[in-house]
């Protein structure tokens, strides 16, 4: 999990590093790359607010990228959605 002293700038750098290393979603997936660019600021805010939470349940997880980021940051993550997104994004959900 991220340090309670971590700034949003530090978290954004960490998230971009994870993305560039292919740890959040397959790098070849252009659609998820666009989602990352459009959502990382909001995801970073969420991660900062959840920094003291060990377990996270993401209801309405969609593509699963937030769960993937939180799992990479050390949270125990669980996700669900109305649609069967794990079949659409198996690599991302496998990481969460």
C-alpha atoms as a PDB file:
ATOM      1  CA  UNK A   1       0.000   0.000   0.000  1.00  0.00           C
ATOM      2  CA  UNK A   2       1.125   3.539  -0.514  1.00  0.00           C
ATOM      3  CA  UNK A   3       2.653   5.470   2.341  1.00  0.00           C
ATOM      4  CA  UNK A   4       0.437   7.873   4.235  1.00  0.00           C
ATOM      5  CA  UNK A   5       3.036  10.490   3.321  1.00  0.00           C
ATOM      6  CA  UNK A   6       2.834   9.823  -0.425  1.00  0.00           C
ATOM      7  CA  UNK A   7       1.681  12.757  -2.484  1.00  0.00           C
ATOM      8  CA  UNK A   8      -0.642  12.592  -5.459  1.00  0.00           C
ATOM      9  CA  UNK A   9       2.315  13.465  -7.692  1.00  0.00           C
ATOM     10  CA  UNK A  10       4.238  10.457  -6.347  1.00  0.00           C
ATOM     11  CA  UNK A  11       1.244   8.198  -6.840  1.00  0.00           C
ATOM     12  CA  UNK A  12       0.733   9.423 -10.410  1.00  0.00           C
ATOM     13  CA  UNK A  13       4.399   8.678 -11.169  1.00  0.00           C
ATOM     14  CA  UNK A  14       4.021   5.208  -9.665  1.00  0.00           C
ATOM     15  CA  UNK A  15       0.867   4.530 -11.682  1.00  0.00           C
ATOM     16  CA  UNK A  16       2.497   5.637 -14.938  1.00  0.00           C
ATOM     17  CA  UNK A  17       5.491   3.425 -14.152  1.00  0.00           C
ATOM     18  CA  UNK A  18       3.192   0.448 -13.556  1.00  0.00           C
ATOM     19  CA  UNK A  19       1.340   1.190 -16.783  1.00  0.00           C
ATOM     20  CA  UNK A  20       4.563   1.516 -18.780  1.00  0.00           C
ATOM     21  CA  UNK A  21       5.725  -1.823 -17.369  1.00  0.00           C
ATOM     22  CA  UNK A  22       2.482  -3.470 -18.513  1.00  0.00           C
ATOM     23  CA  UNK A  23       1.404  -4.275 -14.956  1.00  0.00           C
ATOM     24  CA  UNK A  24      -2.048  -2.642 -15.092  1.00  0.00           C
ATOM     25  CA  UNK A  25      -3.276  -3.885 -18.465  1.00  0.00           C
ATOM     26  CA  UNK A  26      -1.793  -5.277 -21.690  1.00  0.00           C
ATOM     27  CA  UNK A  27       0.171  -2.482 -23.380  1.00  0.00           C
ATOM     28  CA  UNK A  28      -1.213  -3.424 -26.795  1.00  0.00           C
ATOM     29  CA  UNK A  29      -4.785  -2.690 -25.650  1.00  0.00           C
ATOM     30  CA  UNK A  30      -5.345   0.805 -27.063  1.00  0.00           C
ATOM     31  CA  UNK A  31      -8.838   1.074 -25.525  1.00  0.00           C
ATOM     32  CA  UNK A  32      -7.513   0.475 -22.008  1.00  0.00           C
ATOM     33  CA  UNK A  33      -4.659   2.893 -22.710  1.00  0.00           C
ATOM     34  CA  UNK A  34      -7.244   5.571 -23.401  1.00  0.00           C
ATOM     35  CA  UNK A  35      -9.152   4.631 -20.244  1.00  0.00           C
ATOM     36  CA  UNK A  36      -5.921   4.917 -18.254  1.00  0.00           C
ATOM     37  CA  UNK A  37      -5.196   8.393 -19.613  1.00  0.00           C
ATOM     38  CA  UNK A  38      -8.719   9.586 -18.889  1.00  0.00           C
ATOM     39  CA  UNK A  39      -9.024   8.031 -15.446  1.00  0.00           C
ATOM     40  CA  UNK A  40      -5.622   8.001 -13.760  1.00  0.00           C
ATOM     41  CA  UNK A  41      -6.121  11.344 -12.029  1.00  0.00           C
ATOM     42  CA  UNK A  42      -9.382  10.140 -10.453  1.00  0.00           C
ATOM     43  CA  UNK A  43      -7.902   6.704  -9.676  1.00  0.00           C
ATOM     44  CA  UNK A  44      -4.995   8.386  -7.899  1.00  0.00           C
ATOM     45  CA  UNK A  45      -7.408  10.386  -5.744  1.00  0.00           C
ATOM     46  CA  UNK A  46      -9.234   7.171  -4.849  1.00  0.00           C
ATOM     47  CA  UNK A  47      -5.976   5.352  -4.059  1.00  0.00           C
ATOM     48  CA  UNK A  48      -4.909   8.153  -1.729  1.00  0.00           C
ATOM     49  CA  UNK A  49      -8.238   8.018   0.108  1.00  0.00           C
ATOM     50  CA  UNK A  50      -7.973   4.221   0.433  1.00  0.00           C
ATOM     51  CA  UNK A  51      -4.304   4.150   1.461  1.00  0.00           C
ATOM     52  CA  UNK A  52      -5.122   2.884   4.972  1.00  0.00           C
ATOM     53  CA  UNK A  53      -7.569   0.200   3.782  1.00  0.00           C
ATOM     54  CA  UNK A  54      -6.196  -3.316   3.513  1.00  0.00           C
ATOM     55  CA  UNK A  55      -9.219  -4.830   1.744  1.00  0.00           C
ATOM     56  CA  UNK A  56     -11.083  -3.137  -1.086  1.00  0.00           C
ATOM     57  CA  UNK A  57     -14.365  -4.105  -2.740  1.00  0.00           C
ATOM     58  CA  UNK A  58     -14.965  -2.292  -6.029  1.00  0.00           C
ATOM     59  CA  UNK A  59     -18.656  -2.491  -6.927  1.00  0.00           C
ATOM     60  CA  UNK A  60     -19.202  -1.515 -10.548  1.00  0.00           C
ATOM     61  CA  UNK A  61     -15.594  -2.300 -11.425  1.00  0.00           C
ATOM     62  CA  UNK A  62     -16.081  -2.061 -15.193  1.00  0.00           C
ATOM     63  CA  UNK A  63     -12.804  -2.706 -16.984  1.00  0.00           C
ATOM     64  CA  UNK A  64     -11.068  -3.436 -13.634  1.00  0.00           C
ATOM     65  CA  UNK A  65      -8.235  -0.955 -13.997  1.00  0.00           C
ATOM     66  CA  UNK A  66      -8.790   0.665 -10.591  1.00  0.00           C
ATOM     67  CA  UNK A  67      -8.675  -2.771  -8.969  1.00  0.00           C
ATOM     68  CA  UNK A  68      -5.532  -3.583 -10.916  1.00  0.00           C
ATOM     69  CA  UNK A  69      -3.861  -0.370  -9.698  1.00  0.00           C
ATOM     70  CA  UNK A  70      -4.929  -0.906  -6.086  1.00  0.00           C
ATOM     71  CA  UNK A  71      -3.723  -4.518  -6.158  1.00  0.00           C
ATOM     72  CA  UNK A  72      -0.336  -3.376  -7.476  1.00  0.00           C
ATOM     73  CA  UNK A  73      -0.218  -0.886  -4.597  1.00  0.00           C
ATOM     74  CA  UNK A  74      -0.644  -3.752  -2.124  1.00  0.00           C
ATOM     75  CA  UNK A  75      -4.367  -3.852  -1.360  1.00  0.00           C
ATOM     76  CA  UNK A  76      -6.354  -7.078  -1.228  1.00  0.00           C
ATOM     77  CA  UNK A  77      -8.913  -6.365  -3.945  1.00  0.00           C
ATOM     78  CA  UNK A  78     -12.255  -7.844  -4.912  1.00  0.00           C
ATOM     79  CA  UNK A  79     -14.449  -6.585  -7.731  1.00  0.00           C
ATOM     80  CA  UNK A  80     -17.855  -7.110  -9.246  1.00  0.00           C
ATOM     81  CA  UNK A  81     -19.910  -5.589 -11.996  1.00  0.00           C
ATOM     82  CA  UNK A  82     -23.318  -6.138 -13.570  1.00  0.00           C
ATOM     83  CA  UNK A  83     -21.613  -7.136 -16.823  1.00  0.00           C
ATOM     84  CA  UNK A  84     -19.192 -10.043 -16.925  1.00  0.00           C
ATOM     85  CA  UNK A  85     -16.127  -7.877 -17.419  1.00  0.00           C
ATOM     86  CA  UNK A  86     -13.593 -10.591 -16.479  1.00  0.00           C
ATOM     87  CA  UNK A  87     -14.445 -12.305 -19.753  1.00  0.00           C
ATOM     88  CA  UNK A  88     -13.860  -9.035 -21.638  1.00  0.00           C
ATOM     89  CA  UNK A  89     -10.641  -8.121 -19.767  1.00  0.00           C
ATOM     90  CA  UNK A  90      -9.228 -11.404 -18.387  1.00  0.00           C
ATOM     91  CA  UNK A  91      -5.644 -10.131 -17.994  1.00  0.00           C
ATOM     92  CA  UNK A  92      -6.704  -7.105 -15.963  1.00  0.00           C
ATOM     93  CA  UNK A  93      -9.057  -9.042 -13.680  1.00  0.00           C
ATOM     94  CA  UNK A  94      -6.528 -11.804 -13.130  1.00  0.00           C
ATOM     95  CA  UNK A  95      -4.239  -9.188 -11.557  1.00  0.00           C
ATOM     96  CA  UNK A  96      -6.942  -7.792  -9.210  1.00  0.00           C
END
